[in-house]
Amino acid sequence: MLKQTIFALVLALAAATPLAAQPTIFLVRHAERADSAPGMSPTMAADPDLSAAGRARADSLAAALKDADITAIYVTEFKRTQQTAAPLAKALGLTVKIVTSKSTRELIKQLAASKGNVLVVGHSNSVPDVIKGLGVTAAVTIGDDEFDNMFLVSRGPTPSLLRLHYR
């Protein structure tokens, strides 16, 4: 609970800065997969559901972003991204927009044309590509066992990046 409170405070402080006057893109990797466990290699099922820990993380994401004025949510064709976004989409009454995982350029075009704050739920290999495509020059990597990163890209004249962690 303390971590969620601190996270909410960081988001509130970020929202109070002049950068936050610019629309923000929130990017996360999908939550934990059901075909992997801590300390073990994933079995790499083609399209696994979220694990219990992943479902809890998806609920945590919804709680963290419920007041972030999200106007659109983008996911890939895989269940794990859709299930990660589902609690927030339900809470906000939004329909997720599916962009295939191989269509990073199309996603970047849609993000550039979008209005307001947006959530993108992607993968460890696609989230860094999207961030780069949005004009952020800082290199981003996401480890195979990292599911708690949240990247905020401010869409001003010079895009800026803020990396947070949520539980």
Protein backbone atom coordinates (compact mmCIF):
# COMPACT_ATOMS: atom_id res chain seq x y z
CA MET A 1 0.00 0.00 0.00
CA LEU A 2 2.85 2.38 0.82
CA LYS A 3 4.41 1.74 -2.59
CA GLN A 4 1.11 2.59 -4.32
CA THR A 5 0.83 5.77 -2.28
CA ILE A 6 4.37 6.80 -3.18
CA PHE A 7 3.73 5.95 -6.84
CA ALA A 8 0.54 8.03 -6.83
CA LEU A 9 2.47 10.92 -5.27
CA VAL A 10 5.15 10.71 -7.97
CA LEU A 11 2.47 10.72 -10.68
CA ALA A 12 0.77 13.70 -9.04
CA LEU A 13 4.05 15.60 -8.88
CA ALA A 14 4.76 14.77 -12.51
CA ALA A 15 1.30 16.03 -13.43
CA ALA A 16 1.97 19.32 -11.62
CA THR A 17 5.06 20.12 -13.72
CA PRO A 18 4.93 22.19 -16.91
CA LEU A 19 5.93 19.09 -18.90
CA ALA A 20 2.68 17.46 -17.88
CA ALA A 21 0.79 20.17 -19.74
CA GLN A 22 1.83 18.18 -22.81
CA PRO A 23 -0.04 14.97 -23.57
CA THR A 24 1.69 11.95 -22.09
CA ILE A 25 2.10 8.43 -23.41
CA PHE A 26 2.33 5.80 -20.68
CA LEU A 27 4.09 2.63 -21.83
CA VAL A 28 4.28 -0.66 -19.95
CA ARG A 29 5.26 -4.19 -20.76
CA HIS A 30 2.50 -6.76 -20.30
CA ALA A 31 2.24 -8.25 -16.81
CA GLU A 32 3.58 -11.66 -15.79
CA ARG A 33 2.72 -14.59 -18.05
CA ALA A 34 1.11 -17.78 -16.77
CA ASP A 35 3.77 -19.90 -18.48
CA SER A 36 6.64 -18.52 -16.41
CA ALA A 37 7.53 -18.43 -12.76
CA PRO A 38 10.09 -16.36 -10.83
CA GLY A 39 13.57 -17.76 -11.36
CA MET A 40 12.51 -20.04 -14.20
CA SER A 41 12.67 -19.64 -17.96
CA PRO A 42 9.29 -19.18 -19.61
CA THR A 43 8.02 -22.13 -21.60
CA MET A 44 7.16 -19.66 -24.35
CA ALA A 45 3.63 -20.76 -25.06
CA ALA A 46 2.35 -18.98 -28.15
CA ASP A 47 -0.29 -16.86 -26.41
CA PRO A 48 -0.44 -17.44 -22.65
CA ASP A 49 -2.83 -15.82 -20.24
CA LEU A 50 -1.58 -13.75 -17.32
CA SER A 51 -0.57 -15.52 -14.14
CA ALA A 52 -2.17 -14.68 -10.79
CA ALA A 53 0.72 -12.26 -10.18
CA GLY A 54 0.10 -10.77 -13.62
CA ARG A 55 -3.60 -10.26 -12.94
CA ALA A 56 -2.70 -8.55 -9.65
CA ARG A 57 -0.24 -6.30 -11.50
CA ALA A 58 -2.92 -5.44 -14.09
CA ASP A 59 -5.23 -4.39 -11.24
CA SER A 60 -2.39 -2.32 -9.78
CA LEU A 61 -1.86 -0.61 -13.13
CA ALA A 62 -5.56 0.26 -13.28
CA ALA A 63 -5.42 1.71 -9.76
CA ALA A 64 -2.30 3.73 -10.59
CA LEU A 65 -3.70 5.21 -13.82
CA LYS A 66 -7.40 5.58 -13.03
CA ASP A 67 -7.01 9.36 -12.59
CA ALA A 68 -4.40 9.93 -15.32
CA ASP A 69 -6.96 11.13 -17.90
CA ILE A 70 -6.22 8.24 -20.26
CA THR A 71 -8.20 8.73 -23.48
CA ALA A 72 -7.00 5.69 -25.45
CA ILE A 73 -5.39 2.32 -24.78
CA TYR A 74 -3.30 0.43 -27.35
CA VAL A 75 -2.43 -3.26 -27.05
CA THR A 76 -1.10 -6.00 -29.32
CA GLU A 77 -2.96 -9.04 -30.59
CA PHE A 78 -1.70 -11.16 -27.67
CA LYS A 79 -3.88 -12.00 -24.68
CA ARG A 80 -1.25 -10.92 -22.16
CA THR A 81 -1.28 -7.29 -23.37
CA GLN A 82 -5.07 -7.23 -23.60
CA GLN A 83 -5.47 -8.76 -20.13
CA THR A 84 -2.97 -6.27 -18.68
CA ALA A 85 -5.01 -3.36 -20.04
CA ALA A 86 -8.46 -4.83 -19.33
CA PRO A 87 -8.98 -3.60 -15.73
CA LEU A 88 -8.14 0.01 -16.66
CA ALA A 89 -10.17 -0.12 -19.87
CA LYS A 90 -13.16 -1.43 -17.92
CA ALA A 91 -12.80 1.19 -15.19
CA LEU A 92 -12.60 4.00 -17.77
CA GLY A 93 -15.20 2.59 -20.16
CA LEU A 94 -12.68 2.49 -23.02
CA THR A 95 -12.37 -0.04 -25.82
CA VAL A 96 -8.76 -1.07 -26.38
CA LYS A 97 -7.26 -0.55 -29.81
CA ILE A 98 -5.37 -3.55 -31.15
CA VAL A 99 -2.27 -2.93 -33.26
CA THR A 100 -0.30 -6.01 -34.27
CA SER A 101 3.03 -6.45 -32.57
CA LYS A 102 4.79 -6.26 -35.95
CA SER A 103 3.23 -2.85 -36.74
CA THR A 104 5.37 -0.59 -34.56
CA ARG A 105 5.44 2.12 -37.25
CA GLU A 106 1.64 2.08 -37.51
CA LEU A 107 1.35 2.35 -33.72
CA ILE A 108 3.73 5.32 -33.65
CA LYS A 109 1.63 7.05 -36.34
CA GLN A 110 -1.53 6.46 -34.31
CA LEU A 111 0.14 7.76 -31.15
CA ALA A 112 1.32 10.90 -32.96
CA ALA A 113 -2.25 11.57 -34.10
CA SER A 114 -3.85 10.81 -30.74
CA LYS A 115 -5.18 13.47 -28.40
CA GLY A 116 -4.79 13.38 -24.64
CA ASN A 117 -2.98 10.86 -22.50
CA VAL A 118 -2.55 7.34 -23.88
CA LEU A 119 -1.56 3.94 -22.48
CA VAL A 120 0.41 1.46 -24.58
CA VAL A 121 0.80 -2.12 -23.35
CA GLY A 122 3.51 -3.87 -25.31
CA HIS A 123 6.39 -6.29 -24.95
CA SER A 124 9.97 -6.16 -23.71
CA ASN A 125 11.22 -5.80 -27.29
CA SER A 126 8.53 -3.43 -28.61
CA VAL A 127 8.23 -0.85 -25.82
CA PRO A 128 11.83 0.40 -26.33
CA ASP A 129 11.21 0.62 -30.10
CA VAL A 130 8.06 2.68 -29.58
CA ILE A 131 9.86 5.01 -27.17
CA LYS A 132 12.63 5.53 -29.73
CA GLY A 133 10.04 6.06 -32.47
CA LEU A 134 8.46 8.81 -30.38
CA GLY A 135 11.73 10.75 -30.55
CA VAL A 136 13.31 9.86 -27.22
CA THR A 137 17.07 9.48 -27.63
CA ALA A 138 17.82 7.70 -24.34
CA ALA A 139 18.35 3.97 -24.82
CA VAL A 140 15.81 1.78 -23.01
CA THR A 141 16.11 -1.92 -22.26
CA ILE A 142 13.68 -4.19 -20.43
CA GLY A 143 14.94 -7.44 -18.94
CA ASP A 144 13.07 -10.71 -19.48
CA ASP A 145 12.09 -10.75 -15.80
CA GLU A 146 11.07 -7.08 -15.55
CA PHE A 147 7.34 -6.40 -15.45
CA ASP A 148 7.19 -3.32 -13.22
CA ASN A 149 8.51 -0.59 -15.53
CA MET A 150 6.29 2.29 -16.51
CA PHE A 151 7.64 4.78 -19.02
CA LEU A 152 6.12 8.24 -19.40
CA VAL A 153 6.88 10.05 -22.64
CA SER A 154 5.90 13.71 -22.69
CA ARG A 155 4.93 14.65 -26.25
CA GLY A 156 6.28 18.18 -26.29
CA PRO A 157 8.53 19.70 -28.97
CA THR A 158 11.40 17.74 -27.44
CA PRO A 159 9.99 14.47 -26.06
CA SER A 160 11.14 13.61 -22.56
CA LEU A 161 11.20 10.27 -20.78
CA LEU A 162 10.48 9.39 -17.16
CA ARG A 163 10.91 5.79 -15.97
CA LEU A 164 8.92 4.66 -12.93
CA HIS A 165 8.17 1.29 -11.33
CA TYR A 166 4.79 0.04 -10.16
CA ARG A 167 3.88 -3.07 -8.19
